[in-house]
Amino acid sequence: MDAITLNNLAIGQKATIITVGGEGILRRRFLDMGLTPKTKVMVRKRAPLGDPIEIFLRGYELTLRLDDAKKITVQPEEA
């Protein structure tokens, strides 16, 4: 499977982070929250209107806006 951005994962789908985008403070914040390359993530929920999404990583849930999720490239796991 080809790499996609985090916002394109379906509910329950798992993936591995490849790259973390963003610039300056935003990128630093992503890294501080545990969104680092080679980290496994799974989409848990989506808000009724689709934004934000809740992901599960490193044993905790994290909620991200879709604009932020678009900056994170992931490799989906094979089903």
C-alpha atoms as a PDB file:
ATOM      1  CA  MET A   1       0.000   0.000   0.000  1.00  0.00           C
ATOM      2  CA  ASP A   2       1.126   3.540  -0.719  1.00  0.00           C
ATOM      3  CA  ALA A   3       1.733   6.140   1.963  1.00  0.00           C
ATOM      4  CA  ILE A   4      -1.211   8.424   2.791  1.00  0.00           C
ATOM      5  CA  THR A   5      -1.885  11.181   5.267  1.00  0.00           C
ATOM      6  CA  LEU A   6      -3.350  10.434   8.694  1.00  0.00           C
ATOM      7  CA  ASN A   7      -6.678  12.112   7.918  1.00  0.00           C
ATOM      8  CA  ASN A   8      -7.376   9.486   5.200  1.00  0.00           C
ATOM      9  CA  LEU A   9      -7.343   6.461   7.535  1.00  0.00           C
ATOM     10  CA  ALA A  10     -10.676   4.770   8.180  1.00  0.00           C
ATOM     11  CA  ILE A  11     -12.016   4.126  11.682  1.00  0.00           C
ATOM     12  CA  GLY A  12     -10.221   1.092  13.133  1.00  0.00           C
ATOM     13  CA  GLN A  13      -7.447   1.202  10.535  1.00  0.00           C
ATOM     14  CA  LYS A  14      -3.872   0.983  11.797  1.00  0.00           C
ATOM     15  CA  ALA A  15      -0.761   2.582  10.338  1.00  0.00           C
ATOM     16  CA  THR A  16       2.839   3.505  11.074  1.00  0.00           C
ATOM     17  CA  ILE A  17       3.952   7.139  10.986  1.00  0.00           C
ATOM     18  CA  ILE A  18       6.520   7.815   8.258  1.00  0.00           C
ATOM     19  CA  THR A  19       7.015  11.584   8.414  1.00  0.00           C
ATOM     20  CA  VAL A  20       5.782  14.426  10.579  1.00  0.00           C
ATOM     21  CA  GLY A  21       5.254  17.725   8.767  1.00  0.00           C
ATOM     22  CA  GLY A  22       4.435  21.161  10.014  1.00  0.00           C
ATOM     23  CA  GLU A  23       6.868  23.915  10.764  1.00  0.00           C
ATOM     24  CA  GLY A  24       8.466  25.302  13.881  1.00  0.00           C
ATOM     25  CA  ILE A  25       6.332  25.173  17.018  1.00  0.00           C
ATOM     26  CA  LEU A  26       3.589  23.059  15.383  1.00  0.00           C
ATOM     27  CA  ARG A  27       6.041  20.301  14.394  1.00  0.00           C
ATOM     28  CA  ARG A  28       7.639  20.412  17.845  1.00  0.00           C
ATOM     29  CA  ARG A  29       4.199  20.020  19.423  1.00  0.00           C
ATOM     30  CA  PHE A  30       3.446  16.979  17.242  1.00  0.00           C
ATOM     31  CA  LEU A  31       6.710  15.365  18.323  1.00  0.00           C
ATOM     32  CA  ASP A  32       6.085  16.207  21.993  1.00  0.00           C
ATOM     33  CA  MET A  33       2.661  14.502  21.772  1.00  0.00           C
ATOM     34  CA  GLY A  34       4.354  11.283  20.641  1.00  0.00           C
ATOM     35  CA  LEU A  35       3.705  11.604  16.913  1.00  0.00           C
ATOM     36  CA  THR A  36       7.155  10.454  15.864  1.00  0.00           C
ATOM     37  CA  PRO A  37       8.300   8.359  12.895  1.00  0.00           C
ATOM     38  CA  LYS A  38       7.879   4.574  13.314  1.00  0.00           C
ATOM     39  CA  THR A  39       5.060   5.031  15.878  1.00  0.00           C
ATOM     40  CA  LYS A  40       1.988   2.827  15.387  1.00  0.00           C
ATOM     41  CA  VAL A  41      -1.363   4.667  15.343  1.00  0.00           C
ATOM     42  CA  MET A  42      -5.010   3.690  14.951  1.00  0.00           C
ATOM     43  CA  VAL A  43      -8.029   5.880  14.219  1.00  0.00           C
ATOM     44  CA  ARG A  44     -10.560   5.340  17.019  1.00  0.00           C
ATOM     45  CA  LYS A  45     -13.343   7.825  16.237  1.00  0.00           C
ATOM     46  CA  ARG A  46     -14.443  10.703  14.076  1.00  0.00           C
ATOM     47  CA  ALA A  47     -16.656  13.573  15.173  1.00  0.00           C
ATOM     48  CA  PRO A  48     -20.164  13.579  13.633  1.00  0.00           C
ATOM     49  CA  LEU A  49     -19.113  16.148  11.020  1.00  0.00           C
ATOM     50  CA  GLY A  50     -15.733  14.412  10.456  1.00  0.00           C
ATOM     51  CA  ASP A  51     -13.505  16.912  12.257  1.00  0.00           C
ATOM     52  CA  PRO A  52     -11.686  16.253  14.621  1.00  0.00           C
ATOM     53  CA  ILE A  53     -10.505  12.637  14.695  1.00  0.00           C
ATOM     54  CA  GLU A  54      -9.376  10.624  17.701  1.00  0.00           C
ATOM     55  CA  ILE A  55      -6.330   8.403  17.322  1.00  0.00           C
ATOM     56  CA  PHE A  56      -4.794   5.834  19.662  1.00  0.00           C
ATOM     57  CA  LEU A  57      -1.018   5.722  20.035  1.00  0.00           C
ATOM     58  CA  ARG A  58       1.485   4.780  22.744  1.00  0.00           C
ATOM     59  CA  GLY A  59      -1.334   3.704  25.094  1.00  0.00           C
ATOM     60  CA  TYR A  60      -3.391   6.918  25.020  1.00  0.00           C
ATOM     61  CA  GLU A  61      -5.998   8.704  22.916  1.00  0.00           C
ATOM     62  CA  LEU A  62      -5.189  11.926  21.101  1.00  0.00           C
ATOM     63  CA  THR A  63      -7.619  14.199  19.279  1.00  0.00           C
ATOM     64  CA  LEU A  64      -6.379  16.041  16.190  1.00  0.00           C
ATOM     65  CA  ARG A  65      -7.968  18.496  13.788  1.00  0.00           C
ATOM     66  CA  LEU A  66      -8.063  17.309  10.186  1.00  0.00           C
ATOM     67  CA  ASP A  67      -5.793  20.172   9.094  1.00  0.00           C
ATOM     68  CA  ASP A  68      -3.146  18.899  11.517  1.00  0.00           C
ATOM     69  CA  ALA A  69      -3.682  15.235  10.561  1.00  0.00           C
ATOM     70  CA  LYS A  70      -3.005  16.152   6.909  1.00  0.00           C
ATOM     71  CA  LYS A  71       0.574  17.046   7.876  1.00  0.00           C
ATOM     72  CA  ILE A  72       1.386  13.504   9.073  1.00  0.00           C
ATOM     73  CA  THR A  73       2.268  10.848   6.497  1.00  0.00           C
ATOM     74  CA  VAL A  74       1.569   7.222   7.422  1.00  0.00           C
ATOM     75  CA  GLN A  75       1.982   3.757   5.942  1.00  0.00           C
ATOM     76  CA  PRO A  76      -1.265   1.770   6.416  1.00  0.00           C
ATOM     77  CA  GLU A  77      -0.953  -1.809   7.657  1.00  0.00           C
ATOM     78  CA  GLU A  78      -1.993  -4.604   5.335  1.00  0.00           C
ATOM     79  CA  ALA A  79      -5.359  -6.086   6.281  1.00  0.00           C
END
